[in-house]
Amino acid sequence: MANAENPAPRPKPRLDYLDALRGLAALAVGYFHMAMAIREQGLPLSPGEAPVMDLFTLGLDLGKAAVVLFFTISGFIVPISLSRGGHAPVRRFLFSRFFRLYPLYWLALALCLLVAVMQGHDWPLRTILANLTMVQGFMGFPDINGVAWTLQIEMVFYVLCLGLFLGGRLDPVQSQFLAVMAFLAAGLALAVLRYALVIKLPVALPLALSVMFFGCLWRGYVIEDRPDARRASFQALLAFAVLLPPICLLAYNHDFGYNETWWRYLVTYYASLAFFTLCTTVLRMNLRPLAWLGAVSYSIYLLQSPIWGLSSMIGLAPFPIPYGAHLYIAVVMGITVGISALTYHWVEKPMIALGRRLADSMPRRRDAPAVAMADNTM
């Protein structure tokens, strides 16, 4: 494996269009959260702004569409770090995921706690300690950083990928397709129970895992040009087209307090999957500015909430000019992107490099057999 100073050549267009999608998704999540808050708080809007915000919050749920996009990209990229060959792939995977995710997550958590204290809100110590693990939701604790719930689903996906890899079943197309179908079936079963019992069962978890494993299939078709992956990918898309309507209708027919409607979830999943498939095939955005945004997208994603909280505390508010609320969102997101560039260079990159050095420094031992494939992990 090439070291950090002399990385092996990688096909830049491929990385660029994937990073472009990540960058757009991070910005979309930020826009959605701020637009929702502006509407809920009744902040002043110029004529024409309310319909735009309603379109991307009450019509298409732009935030969830972006999250579905993130999940599909994870399926497209993350498992390859296990299947790429080289020594100790499991160890490398664990080290890379830990040092990729946790250091910046803890920094963002600290900023969220700082904002909470400044606003006069104290989180219980047990909640803080649970949030340090990144799997607080599975322990019954709330997320201090509101976007952290998606990372918990990522953790489940990593565990599943590890299990499949150790069993020699991560790479076969049949395994990936069966995973898509199994989690869609689980989502449908939970949706039926949720509708019948009027209990908020976690339908989002199996749906997220289904689109992640679809990302695995899609990579086999788009990058590796495997006929079996192509066939399975379109069969999976057909399954989504057929099963998402009853799942959304049953699961989101009753609003549990999150302004849920079945048609918004359905449109959101359809739109996100369509956008992903098009932008990884016929509409690839190999644009360097968007690719750069993708590189810093993890920082943008985690830091947008505390930065927005701080900006509100210092009095930054929608400007009293035409489309002033959107200008306000653009300013806050611009600040977030600028700070994210700093945390990417001063936190993310050094921690990722440290994880690689630690993995390389440990004595070599034989792990599960690896399959040599292209590496696209960040």
Protein backbone atom coordinates (compact mmCIF):
# COMPACT_ATOMS: atom_id res chain seq x y z
CA MET A 1 0.00 0.00 0.00
CA ALA A 2 1.31 3.46 -0.81
CA ASN A 3 2.18 5.64 2.16
CA ALA A 4 0.57 9.00 2.97
CA GLU A 5 3.44 10.95 1.41
CA ASN A 6 3.40 9.01 -1.88
CA PRO A 7 -0.16 7.85 -2.48
CA ALA A 8 -0.78 5.45 -5.30
CA PRO A 9 -2.34 7.10 -8.34
CA ARG A 10 -6.10 7.05 -8.28
CA PRO A 11 -8.54 7.94 -11.03
CA LYS A 12 -9.32 11.55 -10.17
CA PRO A 13 -12.59 11.88 -12.11
CA ARG A 14 -14.04 9.02 -10.08
CA LEU A 15 -13.06 10.63 -6.79
CA ASP A 16 -14.17 14.05 -7.97
CA TYR A 17 -17.74 13.11 -8.76
CA LEU A 18 -18.13 11.16 -5.52
CA ASP A 19 -16.69 14.03 -3.50
CA ALA A 20 -18.94 16.44 -5.40
CA LEU A 21 -21.97 14.47 -4.26
CA ARG A 22 -20.74 14.53 -0.67
CA GLY A 23 -20.18 18.27 -0.82
CA LEU A 24 -23.66 18.94 -2.19
CA ALA A 25 -25.20 16.64 0.42
CA ALA A 26 -23.45 18.44 3.29
CA LEU A 27 -24.68 21.83 2.05
CA ALA A 28 -28.20 20.45 1.57
CA VAL A 29 -28.35 19.24 5.18
CA GLY A 30 -27.25 22.66 6.40
CA TYR A 31 -29.82 24.48 4.26
CA PHE A 32 -32.61 22.18 5.40
CA HIS A 33 -31.94 22.56 9.12
CA MET A 34 -31.63 26.34 8.98
CA ALA A 35 -34.65 26.75 6.71
CA MET A 36 -36.75 24.59 9.04
CA ALA A 37 -35.67 26.60 12.07
CA ILE A 38 -36.36 29.92 10.33
CA ARG A 39 -39.87 28.77 9.40
CA GLU A 40 -40.60 27.32 12.86
CA GLN A 41 -39.37 30.45 14.66
CA GLY A 42 -41.40 32.71 12.42
CA LEU A 43 -38.41 34.81 11.42
CA PRO A 44 -39.07 37.47 8.77
CA LEU A 45 -39.03 36.37 5.13
CA SER A 46 -39.14 38.45 2.00
CA PRO A 47 -41.86 37.73 -0.60
CA GLY A 48 -41.07 34.56 -2.50
CA GLU A 49 -38.81 33.00 0.14
CA ALA A 50 -41.47 30.99 1.96
CA PRO A 51 -42.47 28.93 -1.12
CA VAL A 52 -38.82 28.09 -1.80
CA MET A 53 -38.25 26.96 1.79
CA ASP A 54 -41.51 25.01 1.84
CA LEU A 55 -40.55 23.23 -1.38
CA PHE A 56 -37.32 21.89 0.16
CA THR A 57 -38.67 21.20 3.65
CA LEU A 58 -42.36 20.32 3.37
CA GLY A 59 -42.34 19.09 -0.23
CA LEU A 60 -39.04 17.36 -0.84
CA ASP A 61 -37.30 16.74 2.48
CA LEU A 62 -33.92 18.02 1.35
CA GLY A 63 -32.20 17.02 4.58
CA LYS A 64 -33.31 13.39 4.42
CA ALA A 65 -32.58 13.25 0.70
CA ALA A 66 -29.02 14.33 1.47
CA VAL A 67 -28.71 11.75 4.24
CA VAL A 68 -29.92 8.97 1.92
CA LEU A 69 -27.31 10.19 -0.56
CA PHE A 70 -24.62 9.98 2.14
CA PHE A 71 -25.68 6.44 3.00
CA THR A 72 -25.58 5.31 -0.63
CA ILE A 73 -22.13 6.84 -1.10
CA SER A 74 -20.93 5.03 2.03
CA GLY A 75 -22.06 1.74 0.54
CA PHE A 76 -20.29 2.65 -2.70
CA ILE A 77 -17.00 3.48 -0.97
CA VAL A 78 -16.50 2.15 2.57
CA PRO A 79 -16.55 -1.66 2.12
CA ILE A 80 -13.78 -1.46 -0.44
CA SER A 81 -11.26 -0.69 2.31
CA LEU A 82 -11.87 -4.22 3.57
CA SER A 83 -11.72 -5.88 0.15
CA ARG A 84 -8.71 -4.08 -1.27
CA GLY A 85 -5.89 -6.48 -0.40
CA GLY A 86 -2.75 -5.81 1.59
CA HIS A 87 -1.92 -7.08 5.04
CA ALA A 88 -4.29 -6.88 8.02
CA PRO A 89 -7.35 -5.44 6.24
CA VAL A 90 -9.56 -5.74 9.33
CA ARG A 91 -7.07 -3.87 11.50
CA ARG A 92 -6.65 -1.19 8.85
CA PHE A 93 -10.40 -0.83 8.52
CA LEU A 94 -10.94 -0.43 12.26
CA PHE A 95 -8.10 2.06 12.65
CA SER A 96 -9.13 4.05 9.60
CA ARG A 97 -12.77 4.29 10.65
CA PHE A 98 -11.94 5.24 14.25
CA PHE A 99 -9.44 7.97 13.39
CA ARG A 100 -11.58 9.16 10.49
CA LEU A 101 -14.73 9.60 12.56
CA TYR A 102 -14.11 10.04 16.27
CA PRO A 103 -11.60 12.91 16.70
CA LEU A 104 -13.68 15.42 14.74
CA TYR A 105 -16.89 14.02 16.25
CA TRP A 106 -15.55 14.71 19.74
CA LEU A 107 -14.50 18.23 18.75
CA ALA A 108 -17.97 18.95 17.36
CA LEU A 109 -19.51 17.47 20.50
CA ALA A 110 -17.40 19.80 22.65
CA LEU A 111 -18.57 22.79 20.60
CA CYS A 112 -22.20 21.70 20.96
CA LEU A 113 -21.74 21.46 24.73
CA LEU A 114 -20.13 24.92 24.79
CA VAL A 115 -23.08 26.41 22.90
CA ALA A 116 -25.50 24.64 25.24
CA VAL A 117 -23.77 26.09 28.32
CA MET A 118 -23.77 29.57 26.79
CA GLN A 119 -27.50 29.20 26.17
CA GLY A 120 -28.08 28.11 29.77
CA HIS A 121 -28.70 24.45 29.06
CA ASP A 122 -26.75 21.76 30.91
CA TRP A 123 -26.72 18.22 29.58
CA PRO A 124 -26.64 15.45 32.23
CA LEU A 125 -23.24 13.81 32.65
CA ARG A 126 -24.63 10.40 31.69
CA THR A 127 -25.90 11.83 28.40
CA ILE A 128 -22.52 13.42 27.69
CA LEU A 129 -20.65 10.19 28.41
CA ALA A 130 -23.07 8.22 26.24
CA ASN A 131 -22.58 10.69 23.38
CA LEU A 132 -18.83 10.14 23.51
CA THR A 133 -19.42 6.61 22.22
CA MET A 134 -21.28 7.78 19.07
CA VAL A 135 -23.88 5.04 19.65
CA GLN A 136 -25.91 6.88 22.29
CA GLY A 137 -29.19 6.32 20.48
CA PHE A 138 -28.89 2.56 20.90
CA MET A 139 -28.49 3.14 24.65
CA GLY A 140 -31.58 5.31 24.90
CA PHE A 141 -29.84 8.70 25.15
CA PRO A 142 -30.58 11.76 22.99
CA ASP A 143 -28.09 13.13 20.47
CA ILE A 144 -26.36 16.29 21.68
CA ASN A 145 -25.35 16.99 18.09
CA GLY A 146 -28.57 16.50 16.16
CA VAL A 147 -26.95 14.98 13.07
CA ALA A 148 -25.20 12.21 15.02
CA TRP A 149 -28.01 9.70 14.49
CA THR A 150 -26.74 9.02 10.99
CA LEU A 151 -23.30 8.05 12.30
CA GLN A 152 -24.89 5.39 14.47
CA ILE A 153 -26.41 3.81 11.37
CA GLU A 154 -22.97 3.98 9.75
CA MET A 155 -21.61 2.01 12.71
CA VAL A 156 -24.18 -0.74 12.16
CA PHE A 157 -23.18 -0.88 8.51
CA TYR A 158 -19.49 -1.22 9.43
CA VAL A 159 -20.25 -4.12 11.77
CA LEU A 160 -22.25 -5.86 9.05
CA CYS A 161 -19.47 -5.33 6.52
CA LEU A 162 -16.92 -6.76 8.94
CA GLY A 163 -19.08 -9.81 9.56
CA LEU A 164 -19.61 -10.42 5.84
CA PHE A 165 -15.91 -9.92 5.12
CA LEU A 166 -14.79 -12.33 7.82
CA GLY A 167 -17.26 -14.85 6.42
CA GLY A 168 -15.96 -14.30 2.90
CA ARG A 169 -19.33 -12.91 1.74
CA LEU A 170 -18.75 -9.15 1.40
CA ASP A 171 -17.68 -9.10 -2.24
CA PRO A 172 -20.10 -11.53 -3.96
CA VAL A 173 -22.91 -9.71 -5.76
CA GLN A 174 -25.39 -12.29 -4.53
CA SER A 175 -24.62 -11.41 -0.90
CA GLN A 176 -25.01 -7.69 -1.54
CA PHE A 177 -28.30 -8.18 -3.38
CA LEU A 178 -29.65 -10.46 -0.65
CA ALA A 179 -28.70 -7.81 1.92
CA VAL A 180 -30.65 -5.16 -0.01
CA MET A 181 -33.71 -7.40 -0.21
CA ALA A 182 -33.45 -8.57 3.40
CA PHE A 183 -33.35 -5.05 4.78
CA LEU A 184 -36.16 -3.91 2.49
CA ALA A 185 -38.22 -6.84 3.78
CA ALA A 186 -37.31 -5.89 7.36
CA GLY A 187 -38.36 -2.32 6.64
CA LEU A 188 -41.70 -3.52 5.29
CA ALA A 189 -42.28 -5.77 8.31
CA LEU A 190 -41.49 -2.95 10.73
CA ALA A 191 -43.72 -0.59 8.74
CA VAL A 192 -46.65 -3.01 9.06
CA LEU A 193 -46.08 -3.32 12.82
CA ARG A 194 -45.61 0.43 13.20
CA TYR A 195 -48.93 1.05 11.43
CA ALA A 196 -50.83 -1.65 13.32
CA LEU A 197 -49.45 -0.87 16.79
CA VAL A 198 -49.01 2.91 16.36
CA ILE A 199 -45.52 2.59 17.84
CA LYS A 200 -42.50 4.46 16.49
CA LEU A 201 -40.50 1.45 15.35
CA PRO A 202 -37.12 2.16 13.65
CA VAL A 203 -38.04 1.77 9.98
CA ALA A 204 -35.27 4.20 9.00
CA LEU A 205 -32.54 1.75 10.07
CA PRO A 206 -33.31 -1.11 7.64
CA LEU A 207 -34.11 1.38 4.87
CA ALA A 208 -30.74 3.06 5.36
CA LEU A 209 -28.93 -0.28 5.34
CA SER A 210 -30.76 -1.31 2.17
CA VAL A 211 -29.55 1.78 0.28
CA MET A 212 -26.03 1.26 1.65
CA PHE A 213 -25.84 -2.26 0.26
CA PHE A 214 -27.36 -0.96 -2.96
CA GLY A 215 -24.34 1.35 -3.11
CA CYS A 216 -22.13 -1.76 -2.98
CA LEU A 217 -24.01 -3.26 -5.91
CA TRP A 218 -23.89 -0.04 -7.89
CA ARG A 219 -20.13 0.17 -7.53
CA GLY A 220 -19.78 -3.30 -9.00
CA TYR A 221 -21.76 -2.14 -12.02
CA VAL A 222 -20.38 1.38 -12.50
CA ILE A 223 -16.72 0.94 -11.52
CA GLU A 224 -16.01 -2.75 -12.03
CA ASP A 225 -18.34 -3.26 -15.01
CA ARG A 226 -19.61 -6.60 -13.71
CA PRO A 227 -22.62 -7.95 -15.64
CA ASP A 228 -24.01 -9.68 -12.55
CA ALA A 229 -23.75 -6.43 -10.57
CA ARG A 230 -25.51 -4.53 -13.35
CA ARG A 231 -28.37 -7.01 -13.40
CA ALA A 232 -28.66 -7.07 -9.60
CA SER A 233 -28.49 -3.27 -9.39
CA PHE A 234 -31.48 -2.78 -11.65
CA GLN A 235 -33.36 -5.56 -9.89
CA ALA A 236 -32.69 -3.72 -6.62
CA LEU A 237 -33.92 -0.44 -8.12
CA LEU A 238 -37.10 -2.20 -9.19
CA ALA A 239 -37.50 -3.53 -5.65
CA PHE A 240 -37.14 0.00 -4.27
CA ALA A 241 -39.71 1.28 -6.76
CA VAL A 242 -42.22 -1.40 -5.73
CA LEU A 243 -41.62 -1.64 -1.97
CA LEU A 244 -40.96 1.97 -0.96
CA PRO A 245 -44.60 3.09 -1.48
CA PRO A 246 -46.14 0.56 0.96
CA ILE A 247 -43.27 1.01 3.42
CA CYS A 248 -43.64 4.80 3.47
CA LEU A 249 -47.44 4.69 3.47
CA LEU A 250 -47.56 2.34 6.46
CA ALA A 251 -44.62 3.68 8.44
CA TYR A 252 -45.24 7.40 8.03
CA ASN A 253 -49.02 7.50 7.93
CA HIS A 254 -49.02 8.69 11.56
CA ASP A 255 -46.96 11.71 12.63
CA PHE A 256 -44.99 10.96 15.80
CA GLY A 257 -44.03 14.60 16.23
CA TYR A 258 -41.52 15.01 13.41
CA ASN A 259 -43.92 16.42 10.81
CA GLU A 260 -43.85 13.08 9.01
CA THR A 261 -45.89 12.39 5.89
CA TRP A 262 -45.67 9.27 3.78
CA TRP A 263 -45.55 11.06 0.44
CA ARG A 264 -42.65 13.28 1.51
CA TYR A 265 -40.61 10.24 2.55
CA LEU A 266 -41.47 8.48 -0.70
CA VAL A 267 -40.54 11.46 -2.88
CA THR A 268 -37.36 11.94 -0.86
CA TYR A 269 -36.14 8.35 -1.31
CA TYR A 270 -37.05 8.28 -4.99
CA ALA A 271 -35.35 11.62 -5.65
CA SER A 272 -32.19 10.71 -3.75
CA LEU A 273 -31.75 7.32 -5.43
CA ALA A 274 -32.41 8.84 -8.85
CA PHE A 275 -29.93 11.65 -8.20
CA PHE A 276 -27.26 9.19 -7.02
CA THR A 277 -27.62 6.84 -9.99
CA LEU A 278 -27.60 9.68 -12.52
CA CYS A 279 -24.67 11.54 -10.94
CA THR A 280 -22.52 8.40 -10.86
CA THR A 281 -23.19 7.56 -14.50
CA VAL A 282 -24.38 10.06 -17.11
CA LEU A 283 -24.23 13.29 -15.07
CA ARG A 284 -20.88 13.02 -13.30
CA MET A 285 -19.88 16.35 -11.76
CA ASN A 286 -16.08 16.33 -12.03
CA LEU A 287 -15.82 19.88 -10.70
CA ARG A 288 -12.87 20.69 -8.46
CA PRO A 289 -14.71 23.21 -6.23
CA LEU A 290 -17.43 20.65 -5.49
CA ALA A 291 -14.82 17.92 -5.01
CA TRP A 292 -13.06 20.16 -2.48
CA LEU A 293 -16.37 20.65 -0.65
CA GLY A 294 -16.69 16.88 -0.55
CA ALA A 295 -13.26 16.56 1.05
CA VAL A 296 -14.34 18.82 3.93
CA SER A 297 -17.96 17.56 4.00
CA TYR A 298 -17.59 15.60 7.25
CA SER A 299 -16.52 18.79 9.02
CA ILE A 300 -19.35 20.74 7.38
CA TYR A 301 -21.83 18.09 8.46
CA LEU A 302 -20.76 17.95 12.11
CA LEU A 303 -19.94 21.62 12.69
CA GLN A 304 -22.96 23.30 11.09
CA SER A 305 -25.15 22.96 14.19
CA PRO A 306 -22.80 24.54 16.77
CA ILE A 307 -21.65 27.23 14.34
CA TRP A 308 -25.24 28.15 13.59
CA GLY A 309 -25.96 28.23 17.32
CA LEU A 310 -23.04 30.58 17.93
CA SER A 311 -24.03 32.82 15.02
CA SER A 312 -27.54 33.17 16.44
CA MET A 313 -26.15 34.06 19.85
CA ILE A 314 -24.06 36.92 18.47
CA GLY A 315 -27.13 38.37 16.80
CA LEU A 316 -26.69 37.21 13.22
CA ALA A 317 -30.20 36.96 11.74
CA PRO A 318 -31.98 37.05 8.38
CA PHE A 319 -31.20 40.30 6.61
CA PRO A 320 -34.11 42.75 5.94
CA ILE A 321 -33.58 42.70 2.18
CA PRO A 322 -35.03 40.63 -0.67
CA TYR A 323 -34.15 36.99 -0.04
CA GLY A 324 -32.41 38.07 3.15
CA ALA A 325 -33.09 34.76 4.87
CA HIS A 326 -31.35 32.86 2.10
CA LEU A 327 -28.46 35.31 2.22
CA TYR A 328 -28.27 34.68 5.96
CA ILE A 329 -28.14 30.92 5.36
CA ALA A 330 -25.43 31.44 2.74
CA VAL A 331 -23.35 33.54 5.17
CA VAL A 332 -23.62 30.98 7.97
CA MET A 333 -22.81 28.13 5.58
CA GLY A 334 -19.88 30.13 4.23
CA ILE A 335 -18.53 30.54 7.76
CA THR A 336 -19.08 26.82 8.34
CA VAL A 337 -17.21 25.90 5.16
CA GLY A 338 -14.30 28.17 6.12
CA ILE A 339 -14.00 26.67 9.60
CA SER A 340 -14.43 23.19 8.14
CA ALA A 341 -11.45 23.78 5.86
CA LEU A 342 -9.37 24.49 8.96
CA THR A 343 -10.59 21.46 10.90
CA TYR A 344 -10.05 19.26 7.86
CA HIS A 345 -6.40 20.29 7.61
CA TRP A 346 -5.67 20.54 11.34
CA VAL A 347 -7.81 17.73 12.75
CA GLU A 348 -9.08 15.29 10.13
CA LYS A 349 -5.99 14.84 7.96
CA PRO A 350 -3.52 14.47 10.87
CA MET A 351 -5.80 11.99 12.64
CA ILE A 352 -6.31 9.94 9.47
CA ALA A 353 -2.54 9.86 8.96
CA LEU A 354 -2.03 8.86 12.60
CA GLY A 355 -4.45 5.97 12.20
CA ARG A 356 -2.55 4.73 9.16
CA ARG A 357 0.80 4.97 10.96
CA LEU A 358 -0.52 3.09 13.98
CA ALA A 359 -2.01 0.36 11.79
CA ASP A 360 1.27 0.02 9.88
CA SER A 361 3.37 -0.01 13.05
CA MET A 362 1.66 -3.04 14.57
CA PRO A 363 3.14 -6.51 13.96
CA ARG A 364 1.80 -8.14 10.83
CA ARG A 365 -0.48 -11.09 11.18
CA ARG A 366 -2.79 -12.93 8.84
CA ASP A 367 -6.32 -11.55 8.72
CA ALA A 368 -9.21 -12.77 6.62
CA PRO A 369 -8.25 -13.17 2.97
CA ALA A 370 -8.58 -9.98 0.98
CA VAL A 371 -9.78 -9.41 -2.55
CA ALA A 372 -7.73 -6.90 -4.51
CA MET A 373 -9.96 -4.02 -5.59
CA ALA A 374 -9.62 -0.30 -6.15
CA ASP A 375 -9.53 1.80 -2.99
CA ASN A 376 -11.74 4.85 -2.83
CA THR A 377 -11.91 5.40 0.91
CA MET A 378 -11.31 8.87 2.16
